[in-house]
PDB file of N, CA and C in Angstrom:
ATOM      1  N   MET A   1      -0.802 -20.652  32.533  1.00  0.00           N
ATOM      2  CA  MET A   1       0.127 -21.459  31.771  1.00  0.00           C
ATOM      3  C   MET A   1       1.542 -21.075  32.197  1.00  0.00           C
ATOM      4  N   ARG A   2       2.367 -22.041  32.421  1.00  0.00           N
ATOM      5  CA  ARG A   2       3.759 -21.792  32.775  1.00  0.00           C
ATOM      6  C   ARG A   2       4.643 -22.033  31.560  1.00  0.00           C
ATOM      7  N   VAL A   3       5.569 -21.117  31.335  1.00  0.00           N
ATOM      8  CA  VAL A   3       6.530 -21.262  30.241  1.00  0.00           C
ATOM      9  C   VAL A   3       7.922 -21.021  30.807  1.00  0.00           C
ATOM     10  N   GLN A   4       8.933 -21.504  30.112  1.00  0.00           N
ATOM     11  CA  GLN A   4      10.298 -21.389  30.597  1.00  0.00           C
ATOM     12  C   GLN A   4      11.038 -20.268  29.876  1.00  0.00           C
ATOM     13  N   ILE A   5      11.764 -19.477  30.661  1.00  0.00           N
ATOM     14  CA  ILE A   5      12.630 -18.435  30.104  1.00  0.00           C
ATOM     15  C   ILE A   5      13.859 -19.127  29.529  1.00  0.00           C
ATOM     16  N   GLN A   6      14.290 -18.713  28.328  1.00  0.00           N
ATOM     17  CA  GLN A   6      15.450 -19.324  27.685  1.00  0.00           C
ATOM     18  C   GLN A   6      16.479 -18.253  27.344  1.00  0.00           C
ATOM     19  N   LYS A   7      17.730 -18.660  27.268  1.00  0.00           N
ATOM     20  CA  LYS A   7      18.814 -17.749  26.911  1.00  0.00           C
ATOM     21  C   LYS A   7      18.789 -17.516  25.405  1.00  0.00           C
ATOM     22  N   TRP A   8      18.976 -16.263  25.011  1.00  0.00           N
ATOM     23  CA  TRP A   8      19.040 -15.889  23.601  1.00  0.00           C
ATOM     24  C   TRP A   8      20.173 -14.881  23.462  1.00  0.00           C
ATOM     25  N   GLY A   9      21.340 -15.334  23.074  1.00  0.00           N
ATOM     26  CA  GLY A   9      22.523 -14.474  23.054  1.00  0.00           C
ATOM     27  C   GLY A   9      22.861 -14.068  24.481  1.00  0.00           C
ATOM     28  N   ASN A  10      23.019 -12.766  24.717  1.00  0.00           N
ATOM     29  CA  ASN A  10      23.281 -12.261  26.066  1.00  0.00           C
ATOM     30  C   ASN A  10      21.995 -11.895  26.796  1.00  0.00           C
ATOM     31  N   SER A  11      20.863 -12.139  26.171  1.00  0.00           N
ATOM     32  CA  SER A  11      19.569 -11.778  26.753  1.00  0.00           C
ATOM     33  C   SER A  11      18.786 -13.028  27.116  1.00  0.00           C
ATOM     34  N   LEU A  12      17.609 -12.801  27.645  1.00  0.00           N
ATOM     35  CA  LEU A  12      16.685 -13.886  27.941  1.00  0.00           C
ATOM     36  C   LEU A  12      15.470 -13.740  27.050  1.00  0.00           C
ATOM     37  N   ALA A  13      14.842 -14.856  26.702  1.00  0.00           N
ATOM     38  CA  ALA A  13      13.689 -14.834  25.801  1.00  0.00           C
ATOM     39  C   ALA A  13      12.524 -15.583  26.432  1.00  0.00           C
ATOM     40  N   LEU A  14      11.352 -15.153  26.104  1.00  0.00           N
ATOM     41  CA  LEU A  14      10.119 -15.773  26.570  1.00  0.00           C
ATOM     42  C   LEU A  14       9.263 -16.055  25.344  1.00  0.00           C
ATOM     43  N   ARG A  15       8.878 -17.292  25.146  1.00  0.00           N
ATOM     44  CA  ARG A  15       8.027 -17.652  24.013  1.00  0.00           C
ATOM     45  C   ARG A  15       6.576 -17.415  24.407  1.00  0.00           C
ATOM     46  N   ILE A  16       5.843 -16.792  23.518  1.00  0.00           N
ATOM     47  CA  ILE A  16       4.426 -16.527  23.755  1.00  0.00           C
ATOM     48  C   ILE A  16       3.626 -17.628  23.074  1.00  0.00           C
ATOM     49  N   PRO A  17       2.867 -18.412  23.844  1.00  0.00           N
ATOM     50  CA  PRO A  17       2.067 -19.473  23.234  1.00  0.00           C
ATOM     51  C   PRO A  17       1.073 -18.908  22.224  1.00  0.00           C
ATOM     52  N   LYS A  18       0.831 -19.668  21.165  1.00  0.00           N
ATOM     53  CA  LYS A  18      -0.025 -19.225  20.060  1.00  0.00           C
ATOM     54  C   LYS A  18      -1.394 -18.716  20.521  1.00  0.00           C
ATOM     55  N   PRO A  19      -2.115 -19.398  21.422  1.00  0.00           N
ATOM     56  CA  PRO A  19      -3.428 -18.881  21.838  1.00  0.00           C
ATOM     57  C   PRO A  19      -3.339 -17.501  22.488  1.00  0.00           C
ATOM     58  N   PHE A  20      -2.258 -17.262  23.237  1.00  0.00           N
ATOM     59  CA  PHE A  20      -2.090 -15.950  23.867  1.00  0.00           C
ATOM     60  C   PHE A  20      -1.817 -14.891  22.802  1.00  0.00           C
ATOM     61  N   ALA A  21      -0.935 -15.227  21.846  1.00  0.00           N
ATOM     62  CA  ALA A  21      -0.596 -14.289  20.778  1.00  0.00           C
ATOM     63  C   ALA A  21      -1.836 -13.936  19.960  1.00  0.00           C
ATOM     64  N   GLU A  22      -2.647 -14.936  19.656  1.00  0.00           N
ATOM     65  CA  GLU A  22      -3.872 -14.683  18.893  1.00  0.00           C
ATOM     66  C   GLU A  22      -4.850 -13.825  19.689  1.00  0.00           C
ATOM     67  N   ASP A  23      -4.919 -14.073  20.996  1.00  0.00           N
ATOM     68  CA  ASP A  23      -5.853 -13.340  21.849  1.00  0.00           C
ATOM     69  C   ASP A  23      -5.546 -11.846  21.894  1.00  0.00           C
ATOM     70  N   VAL A  24      -4.262 -11.498  21.855  1.00  0.00           N
ATOM     71  CA  VAL A  24      -3.883 -10.081  21.908  1.00  0.00           C
ATOM     72  C   VAL A  24      -3.454  -9.543  20.548  1.00  0.00           C
ATOM     73  N   ALA A  25      -3.652 -10.344  19.499  1.00  0.00           N
ATOM     74  CA  ALA A  25      -3.374  -9.953  18.110  1.00  0.00           C
ATOM     75  C   ALA A  25      -1.928  -9.499  17.907  1.00  0.00           C
ATOM     76  N   VAL A  26      -0.975 -10.329  18.362  1.00  0.00           N
ATOM     77  CA  VAL A  26       0.434 -10.057  18.079  1.00  0.00           C
ATOM     78  C   VAL A  26       0.963 -11.159  17.172  1.00  0.00           C
ATOM     79  N   LYS A  27       1.946 -10.792  16.377  1.00  0.00           N
ATOM     80  CA  LYS A  27       2.574 -11.746  15.466  1.00  0.00           C
ATOM     81  C   LYS A  27       4.049 -11.402  15.371  1.00  0.00           C
ATOM     82  N   GLU A  28       4.789 -12.177  14.623  1.00  0.00           N
ATOM     83  CA  GLU A  28       6.214 -11.918  14.460  1.00  0.00           C
ATOM     84  C   GLU A  28       6.412 -10.498  13.933  1.00  0.00           C
ATOM     85  N   GLY A  29       7.286  -9.752  14.575  1.00  0.00           N
ATOM     86  CA  GLY A  29       7.573  -8.384  14.160  1.00  0.00           C
ATOM     87  C   GLY A  29       6.773  -7.331  14.905  1.00  0.00           C
ATOM     88  N   THR A  30       5.783  -7.733  15.695  1.00  0.00           N
ATOM     89  CA  THR A  30       4.991  -6.774  16.474  1.00  0.00           C
ATOM     90  C   THR A  30       5.885  -6.103  17.512  1.00  0.00           C
ATOM     91  N   ILE A  31       5.795  -4.800  17.621  1.00  0.00           N
ATOM     92  CA  ILE A  31       6.537  -4.043  18.626  1.00  0.00           C
ATOM     93  C   ILE A  31       5.727  -4.042  19.915  1.00  0.00           C
ATOM     94  N   VAL A  32       6.403  -4.326  21.043  1.00  0.00           N
ATOM     95  CA  VAL A  32       5.725  -4.297  22.335  1.00  0.00           C
ATOM     96  C   VAL A  32       6.429  -3.323  23.266  1.00  0.00           C
ATOM     97  N   ASP A  33       5.668  -2.769  24.181  1.00  0.00           N
ATOM     98  CA  ASP A  33       6.209  -1.903  25.223  1.00  0.00           C
ATOM     99  C   ASP A  33       6.460  -2.807  26.425  1.00  0.00           C
ATOM    100  N   LEU A  34       7.714  -2.962  26.817  1.00  0.00           N
ATOM    101  CA  LEU A  34       8.091  -3.841  27.913  1.00  0.00           C
ATOM    102  C   LEU A  34       8.323  -3.005  29.156  1.00  0.00           C
ATOM    103  N   SER A  35       7.666  -3.363  30.258  1.00  0.00           N
ATOM    104  CA  SER A  35       7.824  -2.614  31.501  1.00  0.00           C
ATOM    105  C   SER A  35       7.746  -3.553  32.696  1.00  0.00           C
ATOM    106  N   VAL A  36       8.099  -3.020  33.862  1.00  0.00           N
ATOM    107  CA  VAL A  36       8.019  -3.774  35.107  1.00  0.00           C
ATOM    108  C   VAL A  36       7.125  -2.993  36.052  1.00  0.00           C
ATOM    109  N   SER A  37       6.179  -3.685  36.661  1.00  0.00           N
ATOM    110  CA  SER A  37       5.265  -3.055  37.600  1.00  0.00           C
ATOM    111  C   SER A  37       5.020  -4.001  38.769  1.00  0.00           C
ATOM    112  N   LYS A  38       5.369  -3.550  39.953  1.00  0.00           N
ATOM    113  CA  LYS A  38       5.164  -4.339  41.176  1.00  0.00           C
ATOM    114  C   LYS A  38       5.750  -5.739  41.053  1.00  0.00           C
ATOM    115  N   GLY A  39       6.969  -5.820  40.508  1.00  0.00           N
ATOM    116  CA  GLY A  39       7.654  -7.099  40.387  1.00  0.00           C
ATOM    117  C   GLY A  39       7.170  -7.986  39.258  1.00  0.00           C
ATOM    118  N   LYS A  40       6.353  -7.459  38.367  1.00  0.00           N
ATOM    119  CA  LYS A  40       5.843  -8.237  37.235  1.00  0.00           C
ATOM    120  C   LYS A  40       6.315  -7.622  35.924  1.00  0.00           C
ATOM    121  N   VAL A  41       6.652  -8.490  34.974  1.00  0.00           N
ATOM    122  CA  VAL A  41       7.041  -8.035  33.634  1.00  0.00           C
ATOM    123  C   VAL A  41       5.773  -7.922  32.801  1.00  0.00           C
ATOM    124  N   ILE A  42       5.604  -6.774  32.160  1.00  0.00           N
ATOM    125  CA  ILE A  42       4.415  -6.534  31.338  1.00  0.00           C
ATOM    126  C   ILE A  42       4.861  -6.209  29.920  1.00  0.00           C
ATOM    127  N   ALA A  43       4.324  -6.944  28.950  1.00  0.00           N
ATOM    128  CA  ALA A  43       4.606  -6.701  27.540  1.00  0.00           C
ATOM    129  C   ALA A  43       3.280  -6.357  26.866  1.00  0.00           C
ATOM    130  N   ALA A  44       3.125  -5.095  26.484  1.00  0.00           N
ATOM    131  CA  ALA A  44       1.878  -4.641  25.866  1.00  0.00           C
ATOM    132  C   ALA A  44       2.135  -4.237  24.420  1.00  0.00           C
ATOM    133  N   PRO A  45       1.359  -4.760  23.478  1.00  0.00           N
ATOM    134  CA  PRO A  45       1.556  -4.389  22.069  1.00  0.00           C
ATOM    135  C   PRO A  45       1.380  -2.883  21.873  1.00  0.00           C
ATOM    136  N   VAL A  46       2.254  -2.309  21.058  1.00  0.00           N
ATOM    137  CA  VAL A  46       2.150  -0.891  20.718  1.00  0.00           C
ATOM    138  C   VAL A  46       1.248  -0.795  19.502  1.00  0.00           C
ATOM    139  N   ARG A  47       0.162  -0.108  19.629  1.00  0.00           N
ATOM    140  CA  ARG A  47      -0.799   0.053  18.535  1.00  0.00           C
ATOM    141  C   ARG A  47      -0.644   1.443  17.933  1.00  0.00           C
ATOM    142  N   LYS A  48      -0.599   1.500  16.610  1.00  0.00           N
ATOM    143  CA  LYS A  48      -0.548   2.795  15.936  1.00  0.00           C
ATOM    144  C   LYS A  48      -1.904   3.455  16.068  1.00  0.00           C
ATOM    145  N   LYS A  49      -1.877   4.721  16.431  1.00  0.00           N
ATOM    146  CA  LYS A  49      -3.127   5.460  16.526  1.00  0.00           C
ATOM    147  C   LYS A  49      -3.524   5.934  15.137  1.00  0.00           C
ATOM    148  N   ARG A  50      -4.745   5.646  14.760  1.00  0.00           N
ATOM    149  CA  ARG A  50      -5.239   6.086  13.455  1.00  0.00           C
ATOM    150  C   ARG A  50      -5.771   7.502  13.578  1.00  0.00           C
ATOM    151  N   ALA A  51      -5.361   8.349  12.653  1.00  0.00           N
ATOM    152  CA  ALA A  51      -5.823   9.729  12.650  1.00  0.00           C
ATOM    153  C   ALA A  51      -7.266   9.798  12.150  1.00  0.00           C
ATOM    154  N   THR A  52      -8.024  10.695  12.742  1.00  0.00           N
ATOM    155  CA  THR A  52      -9.395  10.910  12.276  1.00  0.00           C
ATOM    156  C   THR A  52      -9.357  11.897  11.118  1.00  0.00           C
ATOM    157  N   LEU A  53     -10.442  11.965  10.356  1.00  0.00           N
ATOM    158  CA  LEU A  53     -10.527  12.919   9.259  1.00  0.00           C
ATOM    159  C   LEU A  53     -10.360  14.345   9.777  1.00  0.00           C
ATOM    160  N   LYS A  54     -10.948  14.625  10.911  1.00  0.00           N
ATOM    161  CA  LYS A  54     -10.853  15.966  11.505  1.00  0.00           C
ATOM    162  C   LYS A  54      -9.389  16.314  11.821  1.00  0.00           C
ATOM    163  N   GLN A  55      -8.629  15.346  12.359  1.00  0.00           N
ATOM    164  CA  GLN A  55      -7.220  15.591  12.662  1.00  0.00           C
ATOM    165  C   GLN A  55      -6.410  15.803  11.389  1.00  0.00           C
ATOM    166  N   LEU A  56      -6.698  15.027  10.361  1.00  0.00           N
ATOM    167  CA  LEU A  56      -5.978  15.181   9.097  1.00  0.00           C
ATOM    168  C   LEU A  56      -6.268  16.536   8.459  1.00  0.00           C
ATOM    169  N   LEU A  57      -7.535  16.923   8.435  1.00  0.00           N
ATOM    170  CA  LEU A  57      -7.903  18.200   7.824  1.00  0.00           C
ATOM    171  C   LEU A  57      -7.348  19.387   8.606  1.00  0.00           C
ATOM    172  N   ALA A  58      -7.132  19.229   9.905  1.00  0.00           N
ATOM    173  CA  ALA A  58      -6.584  20.309  10.724  1.00  0.00           C
ATOM    174  C   ALA A  58      -5.144  20.633  10.304  1.00  0.00           C
ATOM    175  N   ARG A  59      -4.469  19.686   9.646  1.00  0.00           N
ATOM    176  CA  ARG A  59      -3.086  19.913   9.210  1.00  0.00           C
ATOM    177  C   ARG A  59      -2.988  20.537   7.824  1.00  0.00           C
ATOM    178  N   VAL A  60      -4.118  20.735   7.140  1.00  0.00           N
ATOM    179  CA  VAL A  60      -4.102  21.355   5.810  1.00  0.00           C
ATOM    180  C   VAL A  60      -3.922  22.858   5.979  1.00  0.00           C
ATOM    181  N   ASN A  61      -2.965  23.422   5.241  1.00  0.00           N
ATOM    182  CA  ASN A  61      -2.735  24.871   5.271  1.00  0.00           C
ATOM    183  C   ASN A  61      -2.347  25.344   3.876  1.00  0.00           C
ATOM    184  N   LYS A  62      -2.111  26.623   3.715  1.00  0.00           N
ATOM    185  CA  LYS A  62      -1.776  27.170   2.397  1.00  0.00           C
ATOM    186  C   LYS A  62      -0.482  26.577   1.849  1.00  0.00           C
ATOM    187  N   GLY A  63       0.429  26.188   2.718  1.00  0.00           N
ATOM    188  CA  GLY A  63       1.711  25.635   2.286  1.00  0.00           C
ATOM    189  C   GLY A  63       1.615  24.229   1.709  1.00  0.00           C
ATOM    190  N   ASN A  64       0.604  23.457   2.105  1.00  0.00           N
ATOM    191  CA  ASN A  64       0.510  22.090   1.593  1.00  0.00           C
ATOM    192  C   ASN A  64      -0.776  21.830   0.802  1.00  0.00           C
ATOM    193  N   LEU A  65      -1.531  22.875   0.528  1.00  0.00           N
ATOM    194  CA  LEU A  65      -2.761  22.747  -0.252  1.00  0.00           C
ATOM    195  C   LEU A  65      -2.415  22.908  -1.735  1.00  0.00           C
ATOM    196  N   HIS A  66      -2.820  21.978  -2.555  1.00  0.00           N
ATOM    197  CA  HIS A  66      -2.511  22.070  -3.982  1.00  0.00           C
ATOM    198  C   HIS A  66      -3.765  22.422  -4.773  1.00  0.00           C
ATOM    199  N   ARG A  67      -3.536  22.872  -5.994  1.00  0.00           N
ATOM    200  CA  ARG A  67      -4.650  23.227  -6.874  1.00  0.00           C
ATOM    201  C   ARG A  67      -5.187  21.971  -7.548  1.00  0.00           C
ATOM    202  N   GLU A  68      -6.254  22.172  -8.282  1.00  0.00           N
ATOM    203  CA  GLU A  68      -6.806  21.057  -9.048  1.00  0.00           C
ATOM    204  C   GLU A  68      -5.779  20.603 -10.073  1.00  0.00           C
ATOM    205  N   VAL A  69      -5.807  19.336 -10.407  1.00  0.00           N
ATOM    206  CA  VAL A  69      -4.892  18.783 -11.401  1.00  0.00           C
ATOM    207  C   VAL A  69      -5.708  18.433 -12.636  1.00  0.00           C
ATOM    208  N   ASP A  70      -5.253  18.942 -13.787  1.00  0.00           N
ATOM    209  CA  ASP A  70      -5.939  18.677 -15.043  1.00  0.00           C
ATOM    210  C   ASP A  70      -5.222  17.540 -15.758  1.00  0.00           C
ATOM    211  N   PHE A  71      -5.931  16.462 -15.994  1.00  0.00           N
ATOM    212  CA  PHE A  71      -5.356  15.321 -16.674  1.00  0.00           C
ATOM    213  C   PHE A  71      -5.689  15.319 -18.163  1.00  0.00           C
ATOM    214  N   GLY A  72      -6.224  16.418 -18.663  1.00  0.00           N
ATOM    215  CA  GLY A  72      -6.523  16.522 -20.083  1.00  0.00           C
ATOM    216  C   GLY A  72      -7.927  16.036 -20.398  1.00  0.00           C
ATOM    217  N   PRO A  73      -8.262  16.012 -21.675  1.00  0.00           N
ATOM    218  CA  PRO A  73      -9.610  15.611 -22.079  1.00  0.00           C
ATOM    219  C   PRO A  73      -9.835  14.113 -21.877  1.00  0.00           C
ATOM    220  N   SER A  74     -11.097  13.734 -21.871  1.00  0.00           N
ATOM    221  CA  SER A  74     -11.456  12.313 -21.726  1.00  0.00           C
ATOM    222  C   SER A  74     -10.876  11.511 -22.868  1.00  0.00           C
ATOM    223  N   VAL A  75     -10.468  10.276 -22.556  1.00  0.00           N
ATOM    224  CA  VAL A  75      -9.904   9.390 -23.569  1.00  0.00           C
ATOM    225  C   VAL A  75     -10.686   8.089 -23.540  1.00  0.00           C
ATOM    226  N   GLY A  76     -11.036   7.581 -24.703  1.00  0.00           N
ATOM    227  CA  GLY A  76     -11.743   6.307 -24.771  1.00  0.00           C
ATOM    228  C   GLY A  76     -13.144   6.426 -24.174  1.00  0.00           C
ATOM    229  N   ARG A  77     -13.469   5.533 -23.225  1.00  0.00           N
ATOM    230  CA  ARG A  77     -14.794   5.475 -22.663  1.00  0.00           C
ATOM    231  C   ARG A  77     -14.924   6.268 -21.356  1.00  0.00           C
ATOM    232  N   GLU A  78     -13.913   7.098 -21.036  1.00  0.00           N
ATOM    233  CA  GLU A  78     -13.973   7.918 -19.814  1.00  0.00           C
ATOM    234  C   GLU A  78     -15.046   8.980 -19.967  1.00  0.00           C
ATOM    235  N   SER A  79     -15.673   9.326 -18.871  1.00  0.00           N
ATOM    236  CA  SER A  79     -16.627  10.440 -18.904  1.00  0.00           C
ATOM    237  C   SER A  79     -16.471  11.264 -17.640  1.00  0.00           C
ATOM    238  N   TRP A  80     -16.633  12.572 -17.772  1.00  0.00           N
ATOM    239  CA  TRP A  80     -16.486  13.474 -16.624  1.00  0.00           C
ATOM    240  C   TRP A  80     -17.778  14.179 -16.358  1.00  0.00           C
TER     241      TRP A  80
END
């Protein structure tokens, strides 16, 4: 598919056709990593890496570990 580069302020803009955007799961506000490789412009979506449970637990230490929290006796239909 051919698209036209357009002026946007002092920069240039490229519109991403909807089927392409859907295919790579990008939407308005998505951050992309823009680079040039062998004379080609590459825009790759930046994906947040999700931490695993093991990685999260590795960050627990005496400084950030809290004790149990007591919310008092059961009220109403609560049961413990």
